[in-house]
Amino acid sequence: MDKSDNVELWQALADALNALEDAGYSVQFGDRKGPETNWWTAPHAYAGNRASGTEAAWSRKRSRWIVEQR
């Protein structure tokens, strides 16, 4: 894989997002900011049409995307 653009990795991300959309989730992106992020902004992806549910969020402590419940 060419490390300069990682097309395959971006395609895998697009495929995962499309799978969520196909399953009826309205994928939205936003930033969270509060005591749980030590007042730094932290990006997250969530289903806009689900009042509470699972989301993917950036963990500043782990420097990784994690899955958590809202």
C-alpha atoms as a PDB file:
ATOM      1  CA  MET A   1       0.000   0.000   0.000  1.00  0.00           C
ATOM      2  CA  ASP A   2       1.277   3.464  -0.884  1.00  0.00           C
ATOM      3  CA  LYS A   3       1.822   5.292   2.426  1.00  0.00           C
ATOM      4  CA  SER A   4       1.470   8.718   0.785  1.00  0.00           C
ATOM      5  CA  ASP A   5      -2.293   8.597   0.341  1.00  0.00           C
ATOM      6  CA  ASN A   6      -3.584   5.279   1.800  1.00  0.00           C
ATOM      7  CA  VAL A   7      -6.465   5.087  -0.672  1.00  0.00           C
ATOM      8  CA  GLU A   8      -7.427   1.625   0.609  1.00  0.00           C
ATOM      9  CA  LEU A   9      -7.796   2.907   4.183  1.00  0.00           C
ATOM     10  CA  TRP A  10      -9.952   5.838   3.073  1.00  0.00           C
ATOM     11  CA  GLN A  11     -12.065   3.464   0.994  1.00  0.00           C
ATOM     12  CA  ALA A  12     -12.525   1.203   4.037  1.00  0.00           C
ATOM     13  CA  LEU A  13     -13.736   4.205   6.033  1.00  0.00           C
ATOM     14  CA  ALA A  14     -16.138   5.210   3.243  1.00  0.00           C
ATOM     15  CA  ASP A  15     -17.432   1.630   3.062  1.00  0.00           C
ATOM     16  CA  ALA A  16     -18.037   1.557   6.848  1.00  0.00           C
ATOM     17  CA  LEU A  17     -19.908   4.893   6.711  1.00  0.00           C
ATOM     18  CA  ASN A  18     -21.996   3.676   3.774  1.00  0.00           C
ATOM     19  CA  ALA A  19     -22.828   0.458   5.661  1.00  0.00           C
ATOM     20  CA  LEU A  20     -24.130   2.544   8.584  1.00  0.00           C
ATOM     21  CA  GLU A  21     -26.229   4.664   6.204  1.00  0.00           C
ATOM     22  CA  ASP A  22     -27.570   1.529   4.482  1.00  0.00           C
ATOM     23  CA  ALA A  23     -28.566   0.150   7.911  1.00  0.00           C
ATOM     24  CA  GLY A  24     -30.736   3.226   8.501  1.00  0.00           C
ATOM     25  CA  TYR A  25     -28.384   5.344  10.579  1.00  0.00           C
ATOM     26  CA  SER A  26     -28.074   9.011   9.703  1.00  0.00           C
ATOM     27  CA  VAL A  27     -24.348   9.476  10.261  1.00  0.00           C
ATOM     28  CA  GLN A  28     -23.468  12.902  11.643  1.00  0.00           C
ATOM     29  CA  PHE A  29     -20.160  14.412  12.722  1.00  0.00           C
ATOM     30  CA  GLY A  30     -19.580  16.909  15.495  1.00  0.00           C
ATOM     31  CA  ASP A  31     -17.258  18.125  18.217  1.00  0.00           C
ATOM     32  CA  ARG A  32     -17.718  17.558  21.915  1.00  0.00           C
ATOM     33  CA  LYS A  33     -16.270  19.843  24.525  1.00  0.00           C
ATOM     34  CA  GLY A  34     -16.642  19.520  28.270  1.00  0.00           C
ATOM     35  CA  PRO A  35     -15.192  18.022  31.423  1.00  0.00           C
ATOM     36  CA  GLU A  36     -14.956  14.576  29.794  1.00  0.00           C
ATOM     37  CA  THR A  37     -12.535  16.010  27.212  1.00  0.00           C
ATOM     38  CA  ASN A  38     -10.737  18.329  29.657  1.00  0.00           C
ATOM     39  CA  TRP A  39     -12.416  21.186  27.733  1.00  0.00           C
ATOM     40  CA  TRP A  40     -10.601  20.364  24.503  1.00  0.00           C
ATOM     41  CA  THR A  41     -12.737  19.793  21.430  1.00  0.00           C
ATOM     42  CA  ALA A  42     -12.978  16.127  20.464  1.00  0.00           C
ATOM     43  CA  PRO A  43     -14.551  14.915  17.215  1.00  0.00           C
ATOM     44  CA  HIS A  44     -17.187  12.203  17.211  1.00  0.00           C
ATOM     45  CA  ALA A  45     -19.475  10.449  14.760  1.00  0.00           C
ATOM     46  CA  TYR A  46     -22.985   9.464  15.760  1.00  0.00           C
ATOM     47  CA  ALA A  47     -26.389   8.543  14.409  1.00  0.00           C
ATOM     48  CA  GLY A  48     -28.384  11.756  14.167  1.00  0.00           C
ATOM     49  CA  ASN A  49     -31.666   9.859  14.090  1.00  0.00           C
ATOM     50  CA  ARG A  50     -31.013   7.916  17.331  1.00  0.00           C
ATOM     51  CA  ALA A  51     -31.632   9.747  20.611  1.00  0.00           C
ATOM     52  CA  SER A  52     -29.170   7.599  22.495  1.00  0.00           C
ATOM     53  CA  GLY A  53     -26.896   4.983  21.130  1.00  0.00           C
ATOM     54  CA  THR A  54     -23.436   3.963  20.165  1.00  0.00           C
ATOM     55  CA  GLU A  55     -20.985   6.450  18.703  1.00  0.00           C
ATOM     56  CA  ALA A  56     -17.359   6.645  17.666  1.00  0.00           C
ATOM     57  CA  ALA A  57     -15.375   9.319  19.478  1.00  0.00           C
ATOM     58  CA  TRP A  58     -11.779  10.467  19.546  1.00  0.00           C
ATOM     59  CA  SER A  59     -10.090   9.706  22.876  1.00  0.00           C
ATOM     60  CA  ARG A  60      -7.408  12.252  23.676  1.00  0.00           C
ATOM     61  CA  LYS A  61      -6.018   9.979  26.408  1.00  0.00           C
ATOM     62  CA  ARG A  62      -5.608   7.005  24.077  1.00  0.00           C
ATOM     63  CA  SER A  63      -5.027   8.923  20.827  1.00  0.00           C
ATOM     64  CA  ARG A  64      -7.455   6.473  19.232  1.00  0.00           C
ATOM     65  CA  TRP A  65     -11.018   6.330  17.963  1.00  0.00           C
ATOM     66  CA  ILE A  66     -13.141   4.428  20.479  1.00  0.00           C
ATOM     67  CA  VAL A  67     -16.739   3.184  20.572  1.00  0.00           C
ATOM     68  CA  GLU A  68     -18.927   4.341  23.447  1.00  0.00           C
ATOM     69  CA  GLN A  69     -22.557   4.705  24.488  1.00  0.00           C
ATOM     70  CA  ARG A  70     -24.168   8.116  24.605  1.00  0.00           C
END
